[in-house]
Protein backbone atom coordinates (compact mmCIF):
# COMPACT_ATOMS: atom_id res chain seq x y z
CA MET A 1 -66.29 -61.88 31.75
CA THR A 2 -69.11 -64.27 31.55
CA ASP A 3 -69.31 -67.94 32.29
CA ASP A 4 -69.74 -68.60 28.59
CA ALA A 5 -66.11 -67.61 27.98
CA HIS A 6 -64.89 -70.39 30.26
CA ALA A 7 -67.24 -73.07 29.08
CA VAL A 8 -65.61 -76.17 27.67
CA ARG A 9 -67.01 -77.38 24.42
CA PRO A 10 -67.14 -81.15 24.04
CA GLY A 11 -64.86 -82.44 21.33
CA PRO A 12 -65.28 -85.49 19.19
CA PRO A 13 -65.35 -88.75 21.16
CA ILE A 14 -61.99 -90.46 21.50
CA ARG A 15 -62.07 -93.90 19.96
CA THR A 16 -60.03 -96.74 21.40
CA PRO A 17 -58.45 -99.39 19.19
CA ALA A 18 -61.07 -101.89 20.37
CA ASP A 19 -63.97 -99.87 18.97
CA PRO A 20 -65.66 -101.45 15.94
CA GLY A 21 -65.16 -98.43 13.67
CA VAL A 22 -61.37 -98.41 14.00
CA PRO A 23 -59.47 -99.78 10.97
CA LEU A 24 -58.03 -103.28 11.28
CA LEU A 25 -54.41 -102.17 10.89
CA ARG A 26 -54.72 -99.70 13.76
CA ARG A 27 -56.31 -102.35 16.00
CA ALA A 28 -53.59 -104.87 15.13
CA THR A 29 -50.74 -102.45 15.82
CA ALA A 30 -52.29 -101.49 19.17
CA VAL A 31 -52.53 -105.15 20.20
CA LEU A 32 -48.97 -105.90 19.03
CA GLY A 33 -47.66 -102.78 20.74
CA GLY A 34 -49.11 -103.97 24.04
CA ARG A 35 -47.56 -107.40 23.59
CA PHE A 36 -44.13 -105.93 22.78
CA ALA A 37 -44.32 -103.58 25.76
CA ARG A 38 -44.90 -106.56 28.04
CA LEU A 39 -42.09 -108.47 26.32
CA GLY A 40 -39.79 -105.48 26.82
CA ARG A 41 -40.49 -105.34 30.55
CA TRP A 42 -40.05 -109.11 30.87
CA SER A 43 -36.77 -109.17 28.93
CA GLY A 44 -35.51 -106.17 30.92
CA ARG A 45 -36.09 -108.03 34.19
CA TRP A 46 -34.31 -111.11 32.82
CA ALA A 47 -31.41 -109.04 31.51
CA ARG A 48 -30.89 -107.40 34.91
CA ARG A 49 -31.14 -110.78 36.64
CA LEU A 50 -28.61 -112.45 34.33
CA VAL A 51 -26.05 -109.68 33.84
CA LEU A 52 -25.62 -109.07 37.56
CA GLY A 53 -24.72 -112.73 38.17
CA VAL A 54 -21.28 -114.24 37.80
CA TRP A 55 -22.48 -117.20 35.71
CA PHE A 56 -23.40 -114.98 32.76
CA TRP A 57 -19.86 -113.57 32.65
CA VAL A 58 -18.33 -117.05 32.94
CA GLY A 59 -20.42 -118.14 29.96
CA LEU A 60 -19.43 -115.03 28.04
CA VAL A 61 -15.73 -115.79 28.49
CA VAL A 62 -16.20 -119.46 27.59
CA GLY A 63 -18.23 -118.56 24.50
CA PHE A 64 -15.67 -116.07 23.27
CA GLY A 65 -12.75 -118.36 24.08
CA THR A 66 -13.88 -121.30 21.98
CA SER A 67 -11.87 -122.22 18.93
CA LEU A 68 -13.18 -122.27 15.38
CA ARG A 69 -13.18 -126.04 15.30
CA LEU A 70 -15.69 -126.11 18.13
CA TRP A 71 -17.99 -123.25 17.17
CA GLU A 72 -20.86 -125.45 15.97
CA SER A 73 -20.65 -127.63 19.05
CA VAL A 74 -20.61 -124.58 21.30
CA LEU A 75 -23.70 -123.19 19.59
CA LEU A 76 -25.52 -126.49 19.98
CA LEU A 77 -24.39 -126.78 23.60
CA ALA A 78 -25.60 -123.25 24.35
CA VAL A 79 -29.03 -123.89 22.83
CA VAL A 80 -29.45 -127.23 24.63
CA GLY A 81 -28.17 -125.69 27.86
CA TRP A 82 -30.61 -122.81 27.53
CA ALA A 83 -33.55 -125.18 26.99
CA ALA A 84 -32.50 -127.33 29.95
CA GLY A 85 -31.97 -124.20 32.04
CA VAL A 86 -35.45 -122.92 31.24
CA TRP A 87 -36.88 -126.30 32.26
CA LEU A 88 -34.91 -126.26 35.51
CA TRP A 89 -35.89 -122.66 36.16
CA ARG A 90 -39.57 -123.52 35.75
CA ARG A 91 -39.21 -126.36 38.26
CA GLY A 92 -36.91 -124.85 40.88
CA ARG A 93 -36.36 -121.12 40.14
CA ARG A 94 -32.61 -121.51 39.59
CA THR A 95 -31.16 -119.38 36.80
CA GLU A 96 -27.50 -120.47 36.73
CA LEU A 97 -27.76 -122.73 33.67
CA VAL A 98 -29.78 -120.15 31.75
CA ALA A 99 -27.19 -117.48 32.61
CA VAL A 100 -24.24 -119.65 31.50
CA SER A 101 -25.97 -120.67 28.26
CA VAL A 102 -26.98 -117.13 27.32
CA GLY A 103 -23.45 -115.96 28.17
CA VAL A 104 -21.91 -118.66 25.97
CA LEU A 105 -24.23 -117.78 23.12
CA LEU A 106 -23.55 -114.05 23.37
CA GLY A 107 -19.82 -114.63 23.74
CA TRP A 108 -19.87 -116.94 20.74
CA VAL A 109 -21.41 -114.38 18.38
CA PRO A 110 -18.57 -111.80 18.38
CA MET A 111 -15.99 -114.57 18.12
CA LEU A 112 -17.78 -115.87 15.07
CA VAL A 113 -18.08 -112.42 13.50
CA LEU A 114 -14.45 -111.48 14.17
CA PHE A 115 -12.76 -114.73 13.19
CA VAL A 116 -15.00 -116.25 10.54
CA GLY A 117 -15.46 -112.87 8.88
CA ALA A 118 -11.67 -112.61 8.54
CA LEU A 119 -11.35 -116.00 6.81
CA PRO A 120 -11.22 -116.31 3.03
CA HIS A 121 -14.54 -117.16 1.46
CA THR A 122 -13.23 -120.51 0.25
CA MET A 123 -12.94 -121.77 3.83
CA ILE A 124 -16.64 -121.52 4.61
CA GLY A 125 -18.36 -124.78 3.85
CA PRO A 126 -19.84 -127.88 5.40
CA PRO A 127 -18.58 -128.89 8.84
CA GLY A 128 -15.71 -131.34 9.02
CA VAL A 129 -14.18 -130.32 5.69
CA GLU A 130 -10.58 -129.12 5.87
CA TYR A 131 -9.38 -126.69 3.25
CA ASP A 132 -5.86 -126.14 1.96
CA LEU A 133 -4.72 -122.57 1.75
């Protein structure tokens, strides 16, 4: 055998998405893919932090246990609580209010799907209106 048999031939140069000759769609998907990968790691850390705490589960039970008459108020309370919790977390690194609010919101969604989905279509309307069956 000769050395020529083991020689490596150079292939075409590998282009990165940042190179000027790469199509715009490929560059855009590479940039978005990097952003979503970072978002996935960030949301994974938050999910582990919240699910392992007791406050998330308390919020989940409260969210699922709300009645139909309060579902809009519970949704509003969860969103306001989440915003206030994020503000408090940024100032003091405490995640209890965020955990309760996310738990309430996630507990509220199956309650809404199970109970409102079972209602007749004539009962869905503006808030505060009572319907006769």
